[in-house]
Amino acid sequence: MAFHNASKTINVGQLSEDAVSDQIHRSLIEVSNGIAAGKVLFTSTGDLDSFSIRRVAEKALSKALTGPYRWAVRCYWVEDEEPVLIIVSTRQYNSHKPSNSGLLNALLELESSEPTPKILYQLAYELNNRSLHHTAPKQANGATSKLLSIAQSDNILLATLAAEILTHQGSPTLPMQAIIKTQQKAGGFINLNGTSKHVAATSEKGTN
C-alpha cells in the first residue's frame, strides 16, 4: 500500500479568516475522501508571532469543522517554528483498509528504519484505534519501546506523533523534551509540576 499524504502552507497574514477556513476545509475533504493524512503549515508574512498565528488557525479550524457533517478525521496541533496541523483519517475508505498485514508492515518499518513523520502517520493509520497489544502481541513491546524513545526525543514533530500514538494505546505520554526545547527557543517557561498541557491537543469532530 502506498501511503499518501498531502501538504500545504497557508499564509494567514494574506488571507481572511473565511479564506483560511476554506483552505482547511479542502484538506478535511481530501483526507475524508481517501488521503491517509494531511499536513497544513500556517505562516504569516506580517507581524504575527507563532502564538497569534495559532490562534487564527484554531478559529479557522473550528469554523471548518462546524456543520452537520461528522468528519472522519483526527486533528493534531504540533508547535515548531510555526504551527502545524496534522489531519489523519479515521475511516476505512476506498481501496485501502487498515489490516493486520498493513499493521505488521508499518511495525517492521518502524523497527528497521530511522523514524520519519511518514512512518508514524502510517502506523497511526494502520492501528485505526485498534489495540497494538491485542492485534500484534509479538511486536507490541518492541514497538512501544521504540515509540517511547521517539516521544522522549527533542524533535517536536516526531515526539508529538509518537506520544499521541502511545496515548491512544492507553499509555498517556507527554513529549517533554520537545516541549522544553520549544519553550526554550521561544524564551518561555514550562511548569514541570504537572500543570503543563500536551502541545498537540487533539481535536476530533467525530468518527464514523
Protein backbone atom coordinates (compact mmCIF):
# COMPACT_ATOMS: atom_id res chain seq x y z
CA MET A 1 0.00 0.00 0.00
CA ALA A 2 1.35 3.39 -0.92
CA PHE A 3 0.91 5.80 1.96
CA HIS A 4 -0.48 9.03 0.58
CA ASN A 5 -0.48 12.39 2.29
CA ALA A 6 -0.95 15.98 1.20
CA SER A 7 0.87 19.05 2.46
CA LYS A 8 0.09 22.73 2.06
CA THR A 9 1.17 26.06 3.51
CA ILE A 10 -1.36 28.74 4.45
CA ASN A 11 -0.24 32.33 4.93
CA VAL A 12 -2.75 33.68 7.43
CA GLY A 13 -1.39 37.19 7.01
CA GLN A 14 -2.58 37.34 3.42
CA LEU A 15 -5.99 35.68 3.78
CA SER A 16 -9.21 36.44 5.60
CA GLU A 17 -10.38 34.08 8.35
CA ASP A 18 -13.02 32.72 5.97
CA ALA A 19 -10.38 32.04 3.31
CA VAL A 20 -8.15 30.25 5.83
CA SER A 21 -11.14 28.19 6.94
CA ASP A 22 -11.90 27.30 3.30
CA GLN A 23 -8.33 26.07 2.81
CA ILE A 24 -8.58 23.86 5.90
CA HIS A 25 -11.99 22.65 4.73
CA ARG A 26 -10.40 21.46 1.48
CA SER A 27 -7.82 19.48 3.44
CA LEU A 28 -10.58 17.90 5.53
CA ILE A 29 -12.33 16.85 2.33
CA GLU A 30 -9.11 15.42 0.85
CA VAL A 31 -8.42 13.31 3.94
CA SER A 32 -12.05 12.23 4.24
CA ASN A 33 -12.02 11.16 0.58
CA GLY A 34 -9.15 8.74 0.95
CA ILE A 35 -5.82 10.53 1.56
CA ALA A 36 -4.39 8.95 4.70
CA ALA A 37 -3.10 12.21 6.19
CA GLY A 38 -2.81 15.91 5.54
CA LYS A 39 -0.26 18.41 6.84
CA VAL A 40 -1.02 22.14 6.95
CA LEU A 41 1.71 24.62 7.88
CA PHE A 42 0.48 28.04 9.00
CA THR A 43 2.73 31.02 8.47
CA SER A 44 2.49 34.79 8.11
CA THR A 45 4.45 37.42 6.26
CA GLY A 46 3.05 40.08 8.58
CA ASP A 47 3.81 40.92 12.20
CA LEU A 48 2.01 37.92 13.71
CA ASP A 49 4.06 35.73 16.04
CA SER A 50 3.64 31.96 16.31
CA PHE A 51 1.07 32.23 19.11
CA SER A 52 -1.07 34.69 17.15
CA ILE A 53 -0.85 32.56 14.01
CA ARG A 54 -2.00 29.54 16.04
CA ARG A 55 -5.00 31.49 17.39
CA VAL A 56 -6.07 32.49 13.89
CA ALA A 57 -5.61 28.93 12.63
CA GLU A 58 -7.53 27.41 15.55
CA LYS A 59 -10.51 29.69 14.92
CA ALA A 60 -10.43 28.82 11.24
CA LEU A 61 -10.25 25.09 12.02
CA SER A 62 -13.19 25.34 14.41
CA LYS A 63 -15.20 27.06 11.69
CA ALA A 64 -14.20 24.47 9.09
CA LEU A 65 -15.30 21.64 11.41
CA THR A 66 -18.65 23.28 12.17
CA GLY A 67 -21.65 21.85 10.38
CA PRO A 68 -23.85 18.79 10.12
CA TYR A 69 -21.17 16.56 8.62
CA ARG A 70 -19.21 14.43 11.10
CA TRP A 71 -15.67 14.43 9.75
CA ALA A 72 -13.92 11.05 9.93
CA VAL A 73 -10.62 12.64 10.92
CA ARG A 74 -8.45 13.48 13.89
CA CYS A 75 -6.64 16.81 14.05
CA TYR A 76 -3.35 17.25 15.90
CA TRP A 77 -1.60 20.54 16.59
CA VAL A 78 2.19 20.50 16.51
CA GLU A 79 4.23 23.52 17.57
CA ASP A 80 7.53 24.03 15.78
CA GLU A 81 8.86 27.31 14.43
CA GLU A 82 5.31 27.83 13.16
CA PRO A 83 2.06 25.95 13.92
CA VAL A 84 1.43 22.72 12.02
CA LEU A 85 -1.92 20.96 11.77
CA ILE A 86 -1.86 17.22 11.11
CA ILE A 87 -5.12 15.73 9.83
CA VAL A 88 -5.33 11.93 9.99
CA SER A 89 -8.12 9.82 8.52
CA THR A 90 -10.02 7.54 10.88
CA ARG A 91 -12.06 5.94 8.13
CA GLN A 92 -11.56 2.61 6.42
CA TYR A 93 -12.07 4.03 2.97
CA ASN A 94 -11.66 3.48 -0.75
CA SER A 95 -9.09 0.95 -2.00
CA HIS A 96 -7.23 0.52 1.28
CA LYS A 97 -8.44 -0.57 4.68
CA PRO A 98 -6.26 -0.94 7.75
CA SER A 99 -5.37 -4.60 8.05
CA ASN A 100 -3.18 -6.90 10.10
CA SER A 101 -0.71 -7.22 7.22
CA GLY A 102 -0.59 -3.44 6.80
CA LEU A 103 -0.03 -3.00 10.53
CA LEU A 104 2.76 -5.57 10.54
CA ASN A 105 4.44 -3.79 7.61
CA ALA A 106 4.17 -0.48 9.45
CA LEU A 107 5.68 -2.02 12.59
CA LEU A 108 8.51 -3.54 10.57
CA GLU A 109 9.28 -0.17 9.00
CA LEU A 110 9.21 1.47 12.45
CA GLU A 111 11.67 -1.11 13.78
CA SER A 112 14.08 -1.18 10.85
CA SER A 113 14.18 2.47 9.73
CA GLU A 114 15.01 5.86 11.13
CA PRO A 115 11.76 7.42 12.37
CA THR A 116 10.03 9.82 10.00
CA PRO A 117 6.62 11.52 10.10
CA LYS A 118 5.51 9.26 7.23
CA ILE A 119 6.29 6.10 9.22
CA LEU A 120 4.41 7.37 12.27
CA TYR A 121 1.44 8.57 10.19
CA GLN A 122 1.26 5.15 8.59
CA LEU A 123 1.41 3.34 11.93
CA ALA A 124 -1.35 5.53 13.39
CA TYR A 125 -3.47 4.95 10.28
CA GLU A 126 -2.98 1.18 10.32
CA LEU A 127 -3.78 0.96 14.03
CA ASN A 128 -7.08 2.78 13.41
CA ASN A 129 -7.99 2.74 17.13
CA ARG A 130 -7.07 -0.95 17.47
CA SER A 131 -5.05 -2.18 20.42
CA LEU A 132 -1.44 -2.80 19.46
CA HIS A 133 -1.01 -5.46 22.18
CA HIS A 134 -4.11 -7.33 21.04
CA THR A 135 -3.54 -7.01 17.30
CA ALA A 136 0.23 -7.61 17.16
CA PRO A 137 1.27 -9.00 20.57
CA LYS A 138 4.68 -10.26 19.39
CA GLN A 139 5.70 -6.84 18.08
CA ALA A 140 3.94 -4.73 20.71
CA ASN A 141 6.71 -4.46 23.31
CA GLY A 142 9.40 -3.58 20.78
CA ALA A 143 7.18 -1.04 19.04
CA THR A 144 6.17 0.53 22.36
CA SER A 145 9.82 0.88 23.39
CA LYS A 146 10.70 2.49 20.05
CA LEU A 147 7.75 4.89 20.32
CA LEU A 148 8.75 5.83 23.87
CA SER A 149 12.27 6.56 22.68
CA ILE A 150 10.93 8.80 19.91
CA ALA A 151 8.49 10.51 22.30
CA GLN A 152 11.40 11.34 24.61
CA SER A 153 13.44 12.95 21.83
CA ASP A 154 13.58 16.70 21.23
CA ASN A 155 12.19 16.51 17.68
CA ILE A 156 8.85 18.23 18.20
CA LEU A 157 7.00 16.67 15.26
CA LEU A 158 8.21 13.10 15.73
CA ALA A 159 7.95 13.21 19.53
CA THR A 160 4.42 14.57 19.41
CA LEU A 161 3.21 11.99 16.92
CA ALA A 162 4.78 9.13 18.92
CA ALA A 163 3.27 10.47 22.14
CA GLU A 164 -0.16 10.66 20.53
CA ILE A 165 0.06 7.04 19.36
CA LEU A 166 1.09 5.90 22.84
CA THR A 167 -1.68 7.94 24.44
CA HIS A 168 -4.28 6.39 22.15
CA GLN A 169 -2.86 2.99 23.10
CA GLY A 170 -3.64 3.65 26.75
CA SER A 171 -0.24 4.99 27.86
CA PRO A 172 -0.65 8.76 28.35
CA THR A 173 2.61 10.30 27.21
CA LEU A 174 3.98 13.83 27.02
CA PRO A 175 6.83 14.72 24.63
CA MET A 176 8.53 16.64 27.43
CA GLN A 177 11.97 17.12 25.87
CA ALA A 178 10.41 18.51 22.72
CA ILE A 179 8.11 20.79 24.72
CA ILE A 180 11.01 22.07 26.81
CA LYS A 181 13.09 22.71 23.68
CA THR A 182 10.22 24.60 22.07
CA GLN A 183 9.67 26.69 25.20
CA GLN A 184 13.37 27.47 25.44
CA LYS A 185 13.51 28.54 21.79
CA ALA A 186 10.51 30.79 22.39
CA GLY A 187 12.07 32.17 25.57
CA GLY A 188 9.15 30.89 27.60
CA PHE A 189 8.67 28.90 30.79
CA ILE A 190 7.30 25.42 31.37
CA ASN A 191 5.94 24.15 34.67
CA LEU A 192 7.22 20.64 35.35
CA ASN A 193 4.88 20.09 38.32
CA GLY A 194 2.10 18.60 36.26
CA THR A 195 0.22 21.67 35.04
CA SER A 196 1.62 21.69 31.51
CA LYS A 197 -0.70 20.55 28.76
CA HIS A 198 0.06 18.34 25.80
CA VAL A 199 1.39 20.55 22.99
CA ALA A 200 -0.56 18.55 20.39
CA ALA A 201 -4.03 18.76 21.83
CA THR A 202 -6.33 16.52 19.87
CA SER A 203 -9.48 17.83 18.27
CA GLU A 204 -11.85 15.22 16.99
CA LYS A 205 -15.11 16.18 15.39
CA GLY A 206 -16.28 12.61 15.15
CA THR A 207 -15.71 9.28 13.55
CA ASN A 208 -17.85 7.02 11.51
